[in-house]
């Protein structure tokens, strides 16, 4: 999977902002990226602190771009652009103060076209990554929400990888029917980048009316709306998970479905189900989980877990930049 993404980046080199430039995990991942020559890190922070931290840890970050918000030559232009983007919701002083923070400063580098993507959150919350993105980069035209998906990867007996997409497992707590359609559309596009030929299952505790309830109706209606919105994508719902992935079960519960038994892109009814579902796949199913990958923004911006390691930073940087 990563071989394909690296080939994309070699053909279209990108710049990615790391908002916590002096963090040892960021520095280790940056050194690896620089050795590959397909992705240029932009490290936000004090240059002396960053270089000293890299030297102390033995990481070669020669070739990285280091930008200090405290001594940024184009700060006035950035402040003016941020005031414009906030449309009266923040004063010039408010913007200047916010841009002292690396999350806002890094997001503005993306908003102003000086970077292609951003990866943050090694030391702060998901909200502190998503909030500046919503305020400054904003959602794509036609999108009403930011959502997320996880890509799950596991070696298979054939020598290839099993690759699945699951959404929304991290952002939207209880999406409505139209939001689920938007989540599905974004997840389909994301899955294709990872080599998945999407077969989409809208999941429930019911298969084709075997159970009753508002949540069943929501998933059935959302699936039907998604079919209209994406007529060329195989979509089915509502389906129980066993019917979605087991050909034997699907033959009994929904024998005429082209998706049931072979689904690889899963849309969950709410964040409870999504978060639990991907973690079961990760911990009991032997899948590596990559994400959350934020979807629906005008530029790729992603969030790290505060417990991440350098390998996860490296992997998420490649994923994030490839989405550009």
C-alpha atoms as a PDB file:
ATOM      1  CA  UNK A   1       0.000   0.000   0.000  1.00  0.00           C
ATOM      2  CA  UNK A   2       2.680   2.488   0.992  1.00  0.00           C
ATOM      3  CA  UNK A   3       4.722   1.663  -2.109  1.00  0.00           C
ATOM      4  CA  UNK A   4       1.862   2.988  -4.245  1.00  0.00           C
ATOM      5  CA  UNK A   5       1.494   6.148  -2.132  1.00  0.00           C
ATOM      6  CA  UNK A   6       5.238   6.834  -2.300  1.00  0.00           C
ATOM      7  CA  UNK A   7       5.110   6.443  -6.091  1.00  0.00           C
ATOM      8  CA  UNK A   8       2.354   9.075  -6.152  1.00  0.00           C
ATOM      9  CA  UNK A   9       4.523  11.426  -4.097  1.00  0.00           C
ATOM     10  CA  UNK A  10       7.624  10.827  -6.189  1.00  0.00           C
ATOM     11  CA  UNK A  11       5.611  11.857  -9.250  1.00  0.00           C
ATOM     12  CA  UNK A  12       4.138  14.855  -7.399  1.00  0.00           C
ATOM     13  CA  UNK A  13       6.479  15.950  -4.558  1.00  0.00           C
ATOM     14  CA  UNK A  14       4.711  17.695  -1.665  1.00  0.00           C
ATOM     15  CA  UNK A  15       5.442  19.805   1.382  1.00  0.00           C
ATOM     16  CA  UNK A  16       3.885  18.828   4.708  1.00  0.00           C
ATOM     17  CA  UNK A  17       3.693  20.962   7.855  1.00  0.00           C
ATOM     18  CA  UNK A  18       4.477  19.407  11.220  1.00  0.00           C
ATOM     19  CA  UNK A  19       3.139  21.735  13.890  1.00  0.00           C
ATOM     20  CA  UNK A  20       5.325  20.261  16.656  1.00  0.00           C
ATOM     21  CA  UNK A  21       8.701  20.641  15.008  1.00  0.00           C
ATOM     22  CA  UNK A  22      10.904  19.915  18.014  1.00  0.00           C
ATOM     23  CA  UNK A  23       9.154  16.697  19.062  1.00  0.00           C
ATOM     24  CA  UNK A  24      11.597  13.742  18.809  1.00  0.00           C
ATOM     25  CA  UNK A  25       8.993  11.579  17.051  1.00  0.00           C
ATOM     26  CA  UNK A  26       8.441  14.283  14.432  1.00  0.00           C
ATOM     27  CA  UNK A  27      12.196  14.702  13.946  1.00  0.00           C
ATOM     28  CA  UNK A  28      12.765  10.971  13.488  1.00  0.00           C
ATOM     29  CA  UNK A  29       9.938  10.714  10.959  1.00  0.00           C
ATOM     30  CA  UNK A  30      11.201  13.842   9.157  1.00  0.00           C
ATOM     31  CA  UNK A  31      14.696  12.370   8.849  1.00  0.00           C
ATOM     32  CA  UNK A  32      13.223   9.235   7.253  1.00  0.00           C
ATOM     33  CA  UNK A  33      11.083  11.272   4.866  1.00  0.00           C
ATOM     34  CA  UNK A  34      14.037  13.418   3.824  1.00  0.00           C
ATOM     35  CA  UNK A  35      16.122  10.339   3.062  1.00  0.00           C
ATOM     36  CA  UNK A  36      13.387   9.260   0.640  1.00  0.00           C
ATOM     37  CA  UNK A  37      13.374  12.629  -1.209  1.00  0.00           C
ATOM     38  CA  UNK A  38       9.642  12.484  -1.983  1.00  0.00           C
ATOM     39  CA  UNK A  39       8.235  14.698   0.781  1.00  0.00           C
ATOM     40  CA  UNK A  40       9.631  17.887   2.310  1.00  0.00           C
ATOM     41  CA  UNK A  41       8.867  18.487   6.003  1.00  0.00           C
ATOM     42  CA  UNK A  42       8.102  22.008   7.193  1.00  0.00           C
ATOM     43  CA  UNK A  43       8.883  22.091  10.912  1.00  0.00           C
ATOM     44  CA  UNK A  44       7.150  24.805  12.937  1.00  0.00           C
ATOM     45  CA  UNK A  45       9.060  26.081  15.945  1.00  0.00           C
ATOM     46  CA  UNK A  46      12.236  27.740  17.137  1.00  0.00           C
ATOM     47  CA  UNK A  47      15.038  26.842  14.664  1.00  0.00           C
ATOM     48  CA  UNK A  48      17.750  26.573  17.322  1.00  0.00           C
ATOM     49  CA  UNK A  49      15.605  24.320  19.514  1.00  0.00           C
ATOM     50  CA  UNK A  50      14.658  22.115  16.556  1.00  0.00           C
ATOM     51  CA  UNK A  51      18.221  21.746  15.262  1.00  0.00           C
ATOM     52  CA  UNK A  52      19.551  21.087  18.760  1.00  0.00           C
ATOM     53  CA  UNK A  53      16.872  18.477  19.446  1.00  0.00           C
ATOM     54  CA  UNK A  54      17.668  16.754  16.133  1.00  0.00           C
ATOM     55  CA  UNK A  55      21.398  16.821  16.851  1.00  0.00           C
ATOM     56  CA  UNK A  56      20.923  15.472  20.378  1.00  0.00           C
ATOM     57  CA  UNK A  57      18.831  12.591  19.060  1.00  0.00           C
ATOM     58  CA  UNK A  58      21.098  11.923  16.075  1.00  0.00           C
ATOM     59  CA  UNK A  59      18.556  12.721  13.338  1.00  0.00           C
ATOM     60  CA  UNK A  60      19.678  14.296  10.063  1.00  0.00           C
ATOM     61  CA  UNK A  61      17.035  16.877   9.129  1.00  0.00           C
ATOM     62  CA  UNK A  62      19.142  18.687   6.508  1.00  0.00           C
ATOM     63  CA  UNK A  63      16.713  19.758   3.782  1.00  0.00           C
ATOM     64  CA  UNK A  64      13.779  20.372   6.115  1.00  0.00           C
ATOM     65  CA  UNK A  65      12.202  23.820   6.102  1.00  0.00           C
ATOM     66  CA  UNK A  66      12.068  25.338   9.591  1.00  0.00           C
ATOM     67  CA  UNK A  67       9.709  28.253  10.210  1.00  0.00           C
ATOM     68  CA  UNK A  68       9.414  30.170  13.464  1.00  0.00           C
ATOM     69  CA  UNK A  69       6.096  31.996  14.038  1.00  0.00           C
ATOM     70  CA  UNK A  70       7.996  34.469  16.236  1.00  0.00           C
ATOM     71  CA  UNK A  71      10.218  35.581  13.339  1.00  0.00           C
ATOM     72  CA  UNK A  72       8.127  34.991  10.243  1.00  0.00           C
ATOM     73  CA  UNK A  73       8.794  37.604   7.555  1.00  0.00           C
ATOM     74  CA  UNK A  74       5.338  37.323   6.000  1.00  0.00           C
ATOM     75  CA  UNK A  75       3.415  37.536   9.270  1.00  0.00           C
ATOM     76  CA  UNK A  76       1.581  40.745   8.350  1.00  0.00           C
ATOM     77  CA  UNK A  77       0.298  39.197   5.137  1.00  0.00           C
ATOM     78  CA  UNK A  78      -0.707  36.078   7.076  1.00  0.00           C
ATOM     79  CA  UNK A  79      -2.578  38.129   9.683  1.00  0.00           C
ATOM     80  CA  UNK A  80      -4.415  40.049   6.952  1.00  0.00           C
ATOM     81  CA  UNK A  81      -5.378  36.837   5.173  1.00  0.00           C
ATOM     82  CA  UNK A  82      -6.584  35.243   8.400  1.00  0.00           C
ATOM     83  CA  UNK A  83      -8.750  38.294   9.206  1.00  0.00           C
ATOM     84  CA  UNK A  84     -10.246  37.919   5.732  1.00  0.00           C
ATOM     85  CA  UNK A  85     -10.892  34.197   6.194  1.00  0.00           C
ATOM     86  CA  UNK A  86     -12.530  34.694   9.595  1.00  0.00           C
ATOM     87  CA  UNK A  87     -14.926  37.264   8.101  1.00  0.00           C
ATOM     88  CA  UNK A  88     -15.359  39.463  11.146  1.00  0.00           C
ATOM     89  CA  UNK A  89     -15.307  36.665  13.703  1.00  0.00           C
ATOM     90  CA  UNK A  90     -11.760  37.538  14.810  1.00  0.00           C
ATOM     91  CA  UNK A  91     -10.055  40.915  15.013  1.00  0.00           C
ATOM     92  CA  UNK A  92      -6.543  41.599  13.749  1.00  0.00           C
ATOM     93  CA  UNK A  93      -5.268  41.302  17.319  1.00  0.00           C
ATOM     94  CA  UNK A  94      -7.148  38.026  17.805  1.00  0.00           C
ATOM     95  CA  UNK A  95      -5.557  36.618  14.652  1.00  0.00           C
ATOM     96  CA  UNK A  96      -2.087  37.803  15.576  1.00  0.00           C
ATOM     97  CA  UNK A  97      -2.435  36.125  18.976  1.00  0.00           C
ATOM     98  CA  UNK A  98      -3.758  32.885  17.457  1.00  0.00           C
ATOM     99  CA  UNK A  99      -0.881  32.744  14.976  1.00  0.00           C
ATOM    100  CA  UNK A 100       1.589  32.524  17.846  1.00  0.00           C
ATOM    101  CA  UNK A 101       0.202  28.991  18.262  1.00  0.00           C
ATOM    102  CA  UNK A 102       1.701  26.399  15.961  1.00  0.00           C
ATOM    103  CA  UNK A 103      -1.632  24.786  15.065  1.00  0.00           C
ATOM    104  CA  UNK A 104      -3.081  28.037  13.692  1.00  0.00           C
ATOM    105  CA  UNK A 105       0.222  29.101  12.134  1.00  0.00           C
ATOM    106  CA  UNK A 106       0.696  25.749  10.395  1.00  0.00           C
ATOM    107  CA  UNK A 107      -2.885  25.709   9.133  1.00  0.00           C
ATOM    108  CA  UNK A 108      -2.413  29.172   7.645  1.00  0.00           C
ATOM    109  CA  UNK A 109       0.676  27.963   5.764  1.00  0.00           C
ATOM    110  CA  UNK A 110      -1.645  25.446   4.094  1.00  0.00           C
ATOM    111  CA  UNK A 111      -4.412  28.011   3.566  1.00  0.00           C
ATOM    112  CA  UNK A 112      -1.936  30.354   1.856  1.00  0.00           C
ATOM    113  CA  UNK A 113      -0.591  27.633  -0.429  1.00  0.00           C
ATOM    114  CA  UNK A 114       2.876  27.469   1.122  1.00  0.00           C
ATOM    115  CA  UNK A 115       2.335  23.847   2.132  1.00  0.00           C
ATOM    116  CA  UNK A 116       0.235  21.065   0.641  1.00  0.00           C
ATOM    117  CA  UNK A 117      -0.778  19.271   3.829  1.00  0.00           C
ATOM    118  CA  UNK A 118      -0.528  19.334   7.627  1.00  0.00           C
ATOM    119  CA  UNK A 119      -0.028  16.734  10.322  1.00  0.00           C
ATOM    120  CA  UNK A 120      -0.428  17.715  13.966  1.00  0.00           C
ATOM    121  CA  UNK A 121      -1.676  16.542  17.316  1.00  0.00           C
ATOM    122  CA  UNK A 122       1.358  14.724  18.702  1.00  0.00           C
ATOM    123  CA  UNK A 123       1.015  16.853  21.839  1.00  0.00           C
ATOM    124  CA  UNK A 124      -2.466  18.365  21.610  1.00  0.00           C
ATOM    125  CA  UNK A 125      -6.070  17.281  21.084  1.00  0.00           C
ATOM    126  CA  UNK A 126      -7.976  16.391  17.924  1.00  0.00           C
ATOM    127  CA  UNK A 127     -10.129  19.484  18.472  1.00  0.00           C
ATOM    128  CA  UNK A 128      -7.027  21.672  18.336  1.00  0.00           C
ATOM    129  CA  UNK A 129      -6.233  20.241  14.903  1.00  0.00           C
ATOM    130  CA  UNK A 130      -9.765  20.265  13.520  1.00  0.00           C
ATOM    131  CA  UNK A 131     -10.842  23.715  14.762  1.00  0.00           C
ATOM    132  CA  UNK A 132      -8.223  25.748  12.817  1.00  0.00           C
ATOM    133  CA  UNK A 133      -8.806  23.549   9.770  1.00  0.00           C
ATOM    134  CA  UNK A 134     -12.546  24.269   9.806  1.00  0.00           C
ATOM    135  CA  UNK A 135     -12.007  27.972  10.384  1.00  0.00           C
ATOM    136  CA  UNK A 136      -9.251  28.550   7.834  1.00  0.00           C
ATOM    137  CA  UNK A 137      -9.024  25.761   5.253  1.00  0.00           C
ATOM    138  CA  UNK A 138     -12.775  25.075   5.430  1.00  0.00           C
ATOM    139  CA  UNK A 139     -14.838  22.273   3.892  1.00  0.00           C
ATOM    140  CA  UNK A 140     -14.893  21.491   0.187  1.00  0.00           C
ATOM    141  CA  UNK A 141     -17.622  23.127  -1.926  1.00  0.00           C
ATOM    142  CA  UNK A 142     -20.786  21.079  -1.513  1.00  0.00           C
ATOM    143  CA  UNK A 143     -19.657  19.513   1.772  1.00  0.00           C
ATOM    144  CA  UNK A 144     -21.345  20.399   5.046  1.00  0.00           C
ATOM    145  CA  UNK A 145     -19.164  18.436   7.488  1.00  0.00           C
ATOM    146  CA  UNK A 146     -15.681  17.151   8.154  1.00  0.00           C
ATOM    147  CA  UNK A 147     -15.670  13.412   8.703  1.00  0.00           C
ATOM    148  CA  UNK A 148     -13.030  10.731   9.117  1.00  0.00           C
ATOM    149  CA  UNK A 149     -12.157   7.212   8.119  1.00  0.00           C
ATOM    150  CA  UNK A 150      -9.681   4.560   9.127  1.00  0.00           C
ATOM    151  CA  UNK A 151      -7.828   2.429   6.605  1.00  0.00           C
ATOM    152  CA  UNK A 152      -7.192  -1.073   7.945  1.00  0.00           C
ATOM    153  CA  UNK A 153      -4.487  -3.245   6.418  1.00  0.00           C
ATOM    154  CA  UNK A 154      -3.651  -6.924   7.031  1.00  0.00           C
ATOM    155  CA  UNK A 155      -1.408  -9.340   5.089  1.00  0.00           C
ATOM    156  CA  UNK A 156      -3.495 -11.992   3.347  1.00  0.00           C
ATOM    157  CA  UNK A 157      -2.767 -15.594   2.417  1.00  0.00           C
ATOM    158  CA  UNK A 158      -2.502 -14.624  -1.268  1.00  0.00           C
ATOM    159  CA  UNK A 159       0.479 -12.369  -0.583  1.00  0.00           C
ATOM    160  CA  UNK A 160      -1.479  -9.170  -1.157  1.00  0.00           C
ATOM    161  CA  UNK A 161      -2.946  -7.066   1.641  1.00  0.00           C
ATOM    162  CA  UNK A 162      -6.538  -7.055   2.819  1.00  0.00           C
ATOM    163  CA  UNK A 163      -7.455  -3.351   2.850  1.00  0.00           C
ATOM    164  CA  UNK A 164     -10.679  -2.041   4.387  1.00  0.00           C
ATOM    165  CA  UNK A 165     -12.130   1.418   4.957  1.00  0.00           C
ATOM    166  CA  UNK A 166     -14.298   2.261   7.996  1.00  0.00           C
ATOM    167  CA  UNK A 167     -16.145   5.507   8.741  1.00  0.00           C
ATOM    168  CA  UNK A 168     -16.937   7.615  10.660  1.00  0.00           C
ATOM    169  CA  UNK A 169     -15.010   6.392  13.689  1.00  0.00           C
ATOM    170  CA  UNK A 170     -13.704   9.633  15.188  1.00  0.00           C
ATOM    171  CA  UNK A 171     -15.514  12.880  14.354  1.00  0.00           C
ATOM    172  CA  UNK A 172     -19.306  12.833  13.934  1.00  0.00           C
ATOM    173  CA  UNK A 173     -21.085  11.522  17.011  1.00  0.00           C
ATOM    174  CA  UNK A 174     -24.518  10.744  15.550  1.00  0.00           C
ATOM    175  CA  UNK A 175     -24.674  11.647  11.846  1.00  0.00           C
ATOM    176  CA  UNK A 176     -28.037  11.992  10.137  1.00  0.00           C
ATOM    177  CA  UNK A 177     -28.990  10.392   6.813  1.00  0.00           C
ATOM    178  CA  UNK A 178     -27.575  13.148   4.594  1.00  0.00           C
ATOM    179  CA  UNK A 179     -24.376  13.341   6.637  1.00  0.00           C
ATOM    180  CA  UNK A 180     -23.959   9.573   6.273  1.00  0.00           C
ATOM    181  CA  UNK A 181     -24.221   9.953   2.494  1.00  0.00           C
ATOM    182  CA  UNK A 182     -21.507  12.621   2.584  1.00  0.00           C
ATOM    183  CA  UNK A 183     -19.347  10.427   4.830  1.00  0.00           C
ATOM    184  CA  UNK A 184     -19.784   7.527   2.408  1.00  0.00           C
ATOM    185  CA  UNK A 185     -18.856   9.613  -0.645  1.00  0.00           C
ATOM    186  CA  UNK A 186     -15.688  10.923   0.986  1.00  0.00           C
ATOM    187  CA  UNK A 187     -14.754   7.451   2.250  1.00  0.00           C
ATOM    188  CA  UNK A 188     -15.189   5.959  -1.213  1.00  0.00           C
ATOM    189  CA  UNK A 189     -12.805   8.543  -2.691  1.00  0.00           C
ATOM    190  CA  UNK A 190     -10.293   7.951   0.100  1.00  0.00           C
ATOM    191  CA  UNK A 191     -10.492   4.157  -0.219  1.00  0.00           C
ATOM    192  CA  UNK A 192      -9.664   4.352  -3.937  1.00  0.00           C
ATOM    193  CA  UNK A 193      -6.382   6.136  -3.164  1.00  0.00           C
ATOM    194  CA  UNK A 194      -5.384   3.082  -1.123  1.00  0.00           C
ATOM    195  CA  UNK A 195      -6.168   0.669  -3.943  1.00  0.00           C
ATOM    196  CA  UNK A 196      -9.598  -0.388  -2.680  1.00  0.00           C
ATOM    197  CA  UNK A 197     -12.353  -1.024  -5.231  1.00  0.00           C
ATOM    198  CA  UNK A 198     -15.140   0.152  -2.909  1.00  0.00           C
ATOM    199  CA  UNK A 199     -18.071  -2.088  -2.116  1.00  0.00           C
ATOM    200  CA  UNK A 200     -20.008  -0.108   0.459  1.00  0.00           C
ATOM    201  CA  UNK A 201     -22.085  -1.522   3.317  1.00  0.00           C
ATOM    202  CA  UNK A 202     -24.264   0.716   5.501  1.00  0.00           C
ATOM    203  CA  UNK A 203     -24.154  -1.254   8.736  1.00  0.00           C
ATOM    204  CA  UNK A 204     -26.920  -1.894  11.252  1.00  0.00           C
ATOM    205  CA  UNK A 205     -28.260  -4.532  13.625  1.00  0.00           C
ATOM    206  CA  UNK A 206     -30.709  -5.395  10.842  1.00  0.00           C
ATOM    207  CA  UNK A 207     -30.411  -6.853   7.334  1.00  0.00           C
ATOM    208  CA  UNK A 208     -33.081  -5.744   4.873  1.00  0.00           C
ATOM    209  CA  UNK A 209     -35.737  -5.170   7.533  1.00  0.00           C
ATOM    210  CA  UNK A 210     -34.993  -8.133   9.791  1.00  0.00           C
ATOM    211  CA  UNK A 211     -34.906  -5.677  12.711  1.00  0.00           C
ATOM    212  CA  UNK A 212     -36.955  -2.581  13.432  1.00  0.00           C
ATOM    213  CA  UNK A 213     -36.145   0.849  14.811  1.00  0.00           C
ATOM    214  CA  UNK A 214     -35.193   4.422  13.973  1.00  0.00           C
ATOM    215  CA  UNK A 215     -31.518   3.561  13.500  1.00  0.00           C
ATOM    216  CA  UNK A 216     -32.430   0.795  11.059  1.00  0.00           C
ATOM    217  CA  UNK A 217     -34.574   3.217   9.059  1.00  0.00           C
ATOM    218  CA  UNK A 218     -31.764   5.785   9.106  1.00  0.00           C
ATOM    219  CA  UNK A 219     -29.206   3.380   7.634  1.00  0.00           C
ATOM    220  CA  UNK A 220     -31.630   2.013   5.023  1.00  0.00           C
ATOM    221  CA  UNK A 221     -32.637   5.509   3.920  1.00  0.00           C
ATOM    222  CA  UNK A 222     -29.020   6.694   3.881  1.00  0.00           C
ATOM    223  CA  UNK A 223     -27.997   3.702   1.743  1.00  0.00           C
ATOM    224  CA  UNK A 224     -30.786   4.447  -0.745  1.00  0.00           C
ATOM    225  CA  UNK A 225     -29.762   8.108  -0.944  1.00  0.00           C
ATOM    226  CA  UNK A 226     -26.122   7.097  -1.420  1.00  0.00           C
ATOM    227  CA  UNK A 227     -27.099   4.818  -4.333  1.00  0.00           C
ATOM    228  CA  UNK A 228     -28.735   7.786  -6.050  1.00  0.00           C
ATOM    229  CA  UNK A 229     -25.766  10.041  -5.327  1.00  0.00           C
ATOM    230  CA  UNK A 230     -23.174   7.458  -6.482  1.00  0.00           C
ATOM    231  CA  UNK A 231     -24.878   5.286  -9.126  1.00  0.00           C
ATOM    232  CA  UNK A 232     -21.571   3.740 -10.262  1.00  0.00           C
ATOM    233  CA  UNK A 233     -20.526   2.562  -6.786  1.00  0.00           C
ATOM    234  CA  UNK A 234     -21.819  -0.791  -5.405  1.00  0.00           C
ATOM    235  CA  UNK A 235     -23.738   0.149  -2.232  1.00  0.00           C
ATOM    236  CA  UNK A 236     -25.999  -1.890   0.016  1.00  0.00           C
ATOM    237  CA  UNK A 237     -27.851  -1.308   3.231  1.00  0.00           C
ATOM    238  CA  UNK A 238     -28.963  -1.819   5.773  1.00  0.00           C
ATOM    239  CA  UNK A 239     -26.725  -4.829   6.479  1.00  0.00           C
ATOM    240  CA  UNK A 240     -25.530  -6.629   9.570  1.00  0.00           C
ATOM    241  CA  UNK A 241     -21.767  -7.028   9.647  1.00  0.00           C
ATOM    242  CA  UNK A 242     -21.857 -10.800   9.119  1.00  0.00           C
ATOM    243  CA  UNK A 243     -24.027 -10.377   6.036  1.00  0.00           C
ATOM    244  CA  UNK A 244     -21.677  -7.691   4.765  1.00  0.00           C
ATOM    245  CA  UNK A 245     -18.496  -9.799   4.943  1.00  0.00           C
ATOM    246  CA  UNK A 246     -19.452 -13.488   4.894  1.00  0.00           C
ATOM    247  CA  UNK A 247     -20.545 -14.937   1.515  1.00  0.00           C
ATOM    248  CA  UNK A 248     -22.146 -17.869   3.341  1.00  0.00           C
ATOM    249  CA  UNK A 249     -24.257 -15.627   5.566  1.00  0.00           C
ATOM    250  CA  UNK A 250     -25.054 -13.293   2.680  1.00  0.00           C
ATOM    251  CA  UNK A 251     -26.339 -16.217   0.616  1.00  0.00           C
ATOM    252  CA  UNK A 252     -28.931 -16.866   3.315  1.00  0.00           C
ATOM    253  CA  UNK A 253     -29.828 -13.305   4.358  1.00  0.00           C
ATOM    254  CA  UNK A 254     -29.598 -11.401   1.066  1.00  0.00           C
ATOM    255  CA  UNK A 255     -28.868 -13.738  -1.859  1.00  0.00           C
ATOM    256  CA  UNK A 256     -29.456 -11.154  -4.587  1.00  0.00           C
ATOM    257  CA  UNK A 257     -27.044  -8.514  -3.288  1.00  0.00           C
ATOM    258  CA  UNK A 258     -23.857  -7.746  -5.239  1.00  0.00           C
ATOM    259  CA  UNK A 259     -22.236  -6.212  -2.137  1.00  0.00           C
ATOM    260  CA  UNK A 260     -23.259  -8.512   0.702  1.00  0.00           C
ATOM    261  CA  UNK A 261     -20.531 -10.994   1.578  1.00  0.00           C
ATOM    262  CA  UNK A 262     -17.839  -8.940  -0.142  1.00  0.00           C
ATOM    263  CA  UNK A 263     -18.056  -5.462   1.386  1.00  0.00           C
ATOM    264  CA  UNK A 264     -14.784  -3.641   2.055  1.00  0.00           C
ATOM    265  CA  UNK A 265     -15.993  -0.119   2.850  1.00  0.00           C
ATOM    266  CA  UNK A 266     -18.121   0.164   5.976  1.00  0.00           C
ATOM    267  CA  UNK A 267     -20.337   3.064   7.046  1.00  0.00           C
ATOM    268  CA  UNK A 268     -21.307   2.926  10.711  1.00  0.00           C
ATOM    269  CA  UNK A 269     -24.502   4.426  12.188  1.00  0.00           C
ATOM    270  CA  UNK A 270     -22.671   6.451  14.845  1.00  0.00           C
ATOM    271  CA  UNK A 271     -19.297   7.074  16.446  1.00  0.00           C
ATOM    272  CA  UNK A 272     -19.883   4.439  19.151  1.00  0.00           C
ATOM    273  CA  UNK A 273     -20.236   1.650  16.615  1.00  0.00           C
ATOM    274  CA  UNK A 274     -17.460   3.004  14.386  1.00  0.00           C
ATOM    275  CA  UNK A 275     -14.886   3.471  17.116  1.00  0.00           C
ATOM    276  CA  UNK A 276     -15.616   0.083  18.671  1.00  0.00           C
ATOM    277  CA  UNK A 277     -15.691  -1.604  15.260  1.00  0.00           C
ATOM    278  CA  UNK A 278     -12.330  -0.467  13.968  1.00  0.00           C
ATOM    279  CA  UNK A 279     -10.643  -1.228  17.293  1.00  0.00           C
ATOM    280  CA  UNK A 280     -12.032  -4.777  17.296  1.00  0.00           C
ATOM    281  CA  UNK A 281     -10.604  -5.234  13.800  1.00  0.00           C
ATOM    282  CA  UNK A 282      -7.289  -3.790  14.961  1.00  0.00           C
ATOM    283  CA  UNK A 283      -6.914  -5.678  18.250  1.00  0.00           C
ATOM    284  CA  UNK A 284      -8.574  -9.003  17.462  1.00  0.00           C
ATOM    285  CA  UNK A 285      -8.459  -9.128  13.666  1.00  0.00           C
ATOM    286  CA  UNK A 286      -4.763  -8.413  13.225  1.00  0.00           C
ATOM    287  CA  UNK A 287      -5.270  -5.276  11.146  1.00  0.00           C
ATOM    288  CA  UNK A 288      -2.989  -2.254  11.215  1.00  0.00           C
ATOM    289  CA  UNK A 289      -5.190   0.839  11.576  1.00  0.00           C
ATOM    290  CA  UNK A 290      -4.210   4.099   9.884  1.00  0.00           C
ATOM    291  CA  UNK A 291      -6.128   7.198  10.873  1.00  0.00           C
ATOM    292  CA  UNK A 292      -8.252   8.984  11.654  1.00  0.00           C
ATOM    293  CA  UNK A 293      -7.923  10.402   8.156  1.00  0.00           C
ATOM    294  CA  UNK A 294      -9.900  13.636   8.050  1.00  0.00           C
ATOM    295  CA  UNK A 295     -12.189  13.969   5.026  1.00  0.00           C
ATOM    296  CA  UNK A 296     -14.129  16.815   3.457  1.00  0.00           C
ATOM    297  CA  UNK A 297     -11.591  19.629   3.857  1.00  0.00           C
ATOM    298  CA  UNK A 298     -10.163  21.749   1.038  1.00  0.00           C
ATOM    299  CA  UNK A 299      -6.677  20.437   1.858  1.00  0.00           C
ATOM    300  CA  UNK A 300      -5.394  17.331   3.658  1.00  0.00           C
ATOM    301  CA  UNK A 301      -5.015  17.945   7.392  1.00  0.00           C
ATOM    302  CA  UNK A 302      -4.680  15.035   9.769  1.00  0.00           C
ATOM    303  CA  UNK A 303      -4.449  14.373  13.460  1.00  0.00           C
ATOM    304  CA  UNK A 304      -1.972  12.187  15.325  1.00  0.00           C
ATOM    305  CA  UNK A 305      -2.605  10.322  18.540  1.00  0.00           C
ATOM    306  CA  UNK A 306      -0.720  11.825  21.455  1.00  0.00           C
ATOM    307  CA  UNK A 307       0.588   8.328  22.111  1.00  0.00           C
ATOM    308  CA  UNK A 308       1.942   7.939  18.576  1.00  0.00           C
ATOM    309  CA  UNK A 309       5.437   6.724  17.749  1.00  0.00           C
ATOM    310  CA  UNK A 310       7.795   7.840  14.974  1.00  0.00           C
ATOM    311  CA  UNK A 311       6.686   5.033  12.652  1.00  0.00           C
ATOM    312  CA  UNK A 312       3.073   6.181  12.938  1.00  0.00           C
ATOM    313  CA  UNK A 313       4.115   9.770  12.215  1.00  0.00           C
ATOM    314  CA  UNK A 314       6.024   8.608   9.142  1.00  0.00           C
ATOM    315  CA  UNK A 315       3.083   6.534   7.869  1.00  0.00           C
ATOM    316  CA  UNK A 316       0.489   9.247   8.502  1.00  0.00           C
ATOM    317  CA  UNK A 317       2.697  11.855   6.807  1.00  0.00           C
ATOM    318  CA  UNK A 318       2.811   9.756   3.637  1.00  0.00           C
ATOM    319  CA  UNK A 319      -0.955   9.145   3.770  1.00  0.00           C
ATOM    320  CA  UNK A 320      -1.732  12.811   4.393  1.00  0.00           C
ATOM    321  CA  UNK A 321       0.521  14.133   1.644  1.00  0.00           C
ATOM    322  CA  UNK A 322      -0.729  11.551  -0.880  1.00  0.00           C
ATOM    323  CA  UNK A 323      -4.282  12.833  -0.340  1.00  0.00           C
ATOM    324  CA  UNK A 324      -3.136  16.180  -1.753  1.00  0.00           C
END
